[in-house]
Amino acid sequence: MKARKAVDLKELTTDELNNTLREAEETLVKHRFQKALSQLQDTAYIRTLRKDIARLKTILGERATVGA
């Protein structure tokens, strides 16, 4: 799966961003578990997920400071 662009993420609503963040964090946990069991084929996807989560948190943080 390709990394999400920040421009595309900024078009989403705050609720959609929160849902996407939750799903990404759950997926990251599942992939880390699979990696620990040596069942994961694409280990680079974990890095992509971490960066996506960071992008989501950054955008949510920007919205929180602008809205305050």
N, C-alpha and C. Protein backbone atom coordinates (compact mmCIF):
# COMPACT_ATOMS: atom_id res chain seq x y z
N MET A 1 0.84 -1.18 0.00
CA MET A 1 0.00 0.00 0.00
C MET A 1 0.89 1.24 0.00
N LYS A 2 0.49 2.22 -0.75
CA LYS A 2 1.26 3.44 -0.87
C LYS A 2 0.99 4.37 0.31
N ALA A 3 1.96 5.21 0.60
CA ALA A 3 1.80 6.19 1.66
C ALA A 3 0.76 7.23 1.24
N ARG A 4 0.06 7.73 2.22
CA ARG A 4 -0.97 8.73 1.94
C ARG A 4 -0.32 10.10 1.88
N LYS A 5 -0.81 10.92 1.00
CA LYS A 5 -0.29 12.28 0.86
C LYS A 5 -0.98 13.19 1.86
N ALA A 6 -0.23 14.13 2.40
CA ALA A 6 -0.79 15.08 3.38
C ALA A 6 -1.87 15.93 2.74
N VAL A 7 -1.72 16.25 1.48
CA VAL A 7 -2.72 17.07 0.78
C VAL A 7 -4.06 16.33 0.73
N ASP A 8 -4.01 15.03 0.47
CA ASP A 8 -5.24 14.24 0.43
C ASP A 8 -5.86 14.12 1.82
N LEU A 9 -5.02 13.97 2.84
CA LEU A 9 -5.53 13.82 4.20
C LEU A 9 -6.17 15.10 4.71
N LYS A 10 -5.67 16.26 4.29
CA LYS A 10 -6.22 17.53 4.76
C LYS A 10 -7.64 17.77 4.25
N GLU A 11 -8.03 17.06 3.21
CA GLU A 11 -9.38 17.20 2.67
C GLU A 11 -10.42 16.46 3.52
N LEU A 12 -9.97 15.54 4.37
CA LEU A 12 -10.88 14.76 5.19
C LEU A 12 -11.35 15.57 6.39
N THR A 13 -12.51 15.19 6.92
CA THR A 13 -13.02 15.84 8.13
C THR A 13 -12.25 15.31 9.34
N THR A 14 -12.41 15.97 10.46
CA THR A 14 -11.72 15.57 11.68
C THR A 14 -12.16 14.18 12.13
N ASP A 15 -13.45 13.88 12.01
CA ASP A 15 -13.94 12.56 12.39
C ASP A 15 -13.33 11.48 11.49
N GLU A 16 -13.26 11.76 10.20
CA GLU A 16 -12.66 10.79 9.28
C GLU A 16 -11.18 10.59 9.59
N LEU A 17 -10.50 11.67 9.94
CA LEU A 17 -9.08 11.56 10.31
C LEU A 17 -8.91 10.71 11.56
N ASN A 18 -9.77 10.93 12.55
CA ASN A 18 -9.69 10.13 13.78
C ASN A 18 -9.95 8.65 13.51
N ASN A 19 -10.92 8.35 12.66
CA ASN A 19 -11.20 6.96 12.31
C ASN A 19 -10.04 6.34 11.55
N THR A 20 -9.47 7.09 10.62
CA THR A 20 -8.34 6.60 9.85
C THR A 20 -7.15 6.36 10.76
N LEU A 21 -6.93 7.25 11.71
CA LEU A 21 -5.83 7.09 12.66
C LEU A 21 -6.01 5.84 13.50
N ARG A 22 -7.22 5.63 13.99
CA ARG A 22 -7.49 4.44 14.80
C ARG A 22 -7.24 3.17 14.00
N GLU A 23 -7.71 3.13 12.76
CA GLU A 23 -7.53 1.96 11.90
C GLU A 23 -6.05 1.72 11.60
N ALA A 24 -5.31 2.80 11.36
CA ALA A 24 -3.88 2.67 11.06
C ALA A 24 -3.12 2.14 12.27
N GLU A 25 -3.48 2.60 13.46
CA GLU A 25 -2.81 2.12 14.67
C GLU A 25 -3.12 0.65 14.92
N GLU A 26 -4.37 0.23 14.67
CA GLU A 26 -4.73 -1.18 14.82
C GLU A 26 -3.97 -2.04 13.82
N THR A 27 -3.87 -1.57 12.59
CA THR A 27 -3.15 -2.31 11.56
C THR A 27 -1.67 -2.42 11.92
N LEU A 28 -1.11 -1.36 12.47
CA LEU A 28 0.30 -1.38 12.86
C LEU A 28 0.54 -2.43 13.94
N VAL A 29 -0.35 -2.52 14.91
CA VAL A 29 -0.20 -3.52 15.96
C VAL A 29 -0.26 -4.93 15.37
N LYS A 30 -1.18 -5.16 14.46
CA LYS A 30 -1.32 -6.48 13.82
C LYS A 30 -0.06 -6.83 13.03
N HIS A 31 0.47 -5.86 12.30
CA HIS A 31 1.66 -6.12 11.50
C HIS A 31 2.89 -6.34 12.37
N ARG A 32 3.00 -5.61 13.47
CA ARG A 32 4.12 -5.84 14.39
C ARG A 32 4.05 -7.24 14.98
N PHE A 33 2.85 -7.69 15.30
CA PHE A 33 2.67 -9.03 15.84
C PHE A 33 3.07 -10.07 14.80
N GLN A 34 2.63 -9.87 13.56
CA GLN A 34 3.00 -10.80 12.49
C GLN A 34 4.51 -10.81 12.26
N LYS A 35 5.14 -9.66 12.38
CA LYS A 35 6.59 -9.58 12.21
C LYS A 35 7.29 -10.37 13.30
N ALA A 36 6.80 -10.26 14.52
CA ALA A 36 7.40 -10.98 15.64
C ALA A 36 7.28 -12.48 15.45
N LEU A 37 6.23 -12.91 14.79
CA LEU A 37 6.04 -14.34 14.54
C LEU A 37 6.68 -14.79 13.22
N SER A 38 7.36 -13.87 12.56
CA SER A 38 8.02 -14.14 11.27
C SER A 38 7.02 -14.55 10.20
N GLN A 39 5.83 -13.98 10.22
CA GLN A 39 4.80 -14.27 9.23
C GLN A 39 4.60 -13.11 8.26
N LEU A 40 5.28 -12.00 8.49
CA LEU A 40 5.08 -10.81 7.68
C LEU A 40 6.02 -10.82 6.49
N GLN A 41 5.47 -10.63 5.30
CA GLN A 41 6.28 -10.63 4.08
C GLN A 41 6.84 -9.25 3.78
N ASP A 42 6.00 -8.22 3.89
CA ASP A 42 6.40 -6.86 3.53
C ASP A 42 6.68 -6.06 4.80
N THR A 43 7.92 -6.12 5.28
CA THR A 43 8.26 -5.44 6.53
C THR A 43 8.36 -3.93 6.33
N ALA A 44 8.55 -3.47 5.12
CA ALA A 44 8.63 -2.03 4.85
C ALA A 44 7.29 -1.34 5.08
N TYR A 45 6.21 -2.10 5.05
CA TYR A 45 4.88 -1.52 5.25
C TYR A 45 4.73 -0.96 6.66
N ILE A 46 5.46 -1.52 7.62
CA ILE A 46 5.41 -1.01 9.00
C ILE A 46 5.92 0.43 9.02
N ARG A 47 6.98 0.69 8.29
CA ARG A 47 7.52 2.05 8.24
C ARG A 47 6.52 3.01 7.59
N THR A 48 5.87 2.56 6.52
CA THR A 48 4.87 3.37 5.85
C THR A 48 3.71 3.69 6.80
N LEU A 49 3.28 2.71 7.55
CA LEU A 49 2.20 2.93 8.52
C LEU A 49 2.60 3.94 9.58
N ARG A 50 3.81 3.83 10.09
CA ARG A 50 4.27 4.76 11.11
C ARG A 50 4.29 6.19 10.59
N LYS A 51 4.71 6.36 9.34
CA LYS A 51 4.74 7.69 8.75
C LYS A 51 3.33 8.22 8.51
N ASP A 52 2.42 7.33 8.08
CA ASP A 52 1.03 7.75 7.90
C ASP A 52 0.42 8.20 9.23
N ILE A 53 0.71 7.46 10.29
CA ILE A 53 0.19 7.82 11.62
C ILE A 53 0.74 9.17 12.04
N ALA A 54 2.01 9.41 11.77
CA ALA A 54 2.61 10.70 12.11
C ALA A 54 1.95 11.83 11.32
N ARG A 55 1.67 11.59 10.04
CA ARG A 55 0.99 12.61 9.23
C ARG A 55 -0.39 12.91 9.79
N LEU A 56 -1.12 11.87 10.14
CA LEU A 56 -2.46 12.05 10.68
C LEU A 56 -2.42 12.84 11.98
N LYS A 57 -1.50 12.48 12.87
CA LYS A 57 -1.40 13.19 14.15
C LYS A 57 -0.98 14.64 13.94
N THR A 58 -0.13 14.89 12.97
CA THR A 58 0.30 16.26 12.69
C THR A 58 -0.88 17.10 12.21
N ILE A 59 -1.66 16.57 11.29
CA ILE A 59 -2.81 17.31 10.76
C ILE A 59 -3.84 17.55 11.87
N LEU A 60 -4.09 16.53 12.69
CA LEU A 60 -5.02 16.71 13.80
C LEU A 60 -4.50 17.75 14.79
N GLY A 61 -3.20 17.76 15.05
CA GLY A 61 -2.60 18.75 15.93
C GLY A 61 -2.71 20.15 15.38
N GLU A 62 -2.51 20.29 14.07
CA GLU A 62 -2.66 21.60 13.44
C GLU A 62 -4.08 22.11 13.57
N ARG A 63 -5.03 21.21 13.38
CA ARG A 63 -6.43 21.63 13.49
C ARG A 63 -6.77 22.01 14.92
N ALA A 64 -6.18 21.32 15.88
CA ALA A 64 -6.47 21.62 17.30
C ALA A 64 -5.92 22.99 17.67
N THR A 65 -4.74 23.36 17.17
CA THR A 65 -4.17 24.64 17.53
C THR A 65 -4.85 25.79 16.79
N VAL A 66 -5.29 25.55 15.57
CA VAL A 66 -5.99 26.57 14.80
C VAL A 66 -7.37 26.80 15.38
N GLY A 67 -8.01 25.72 15.81
CA GLY A 67 -9.37 25.82 16.33
C GLY A 67 -9.43 26.41 17.74
N ALA A 68 -8.31 26.38 18.45
CA ALA A 68 -8.32 26.86 19.85
C ALA A 68 -8.19 28.36 19.95
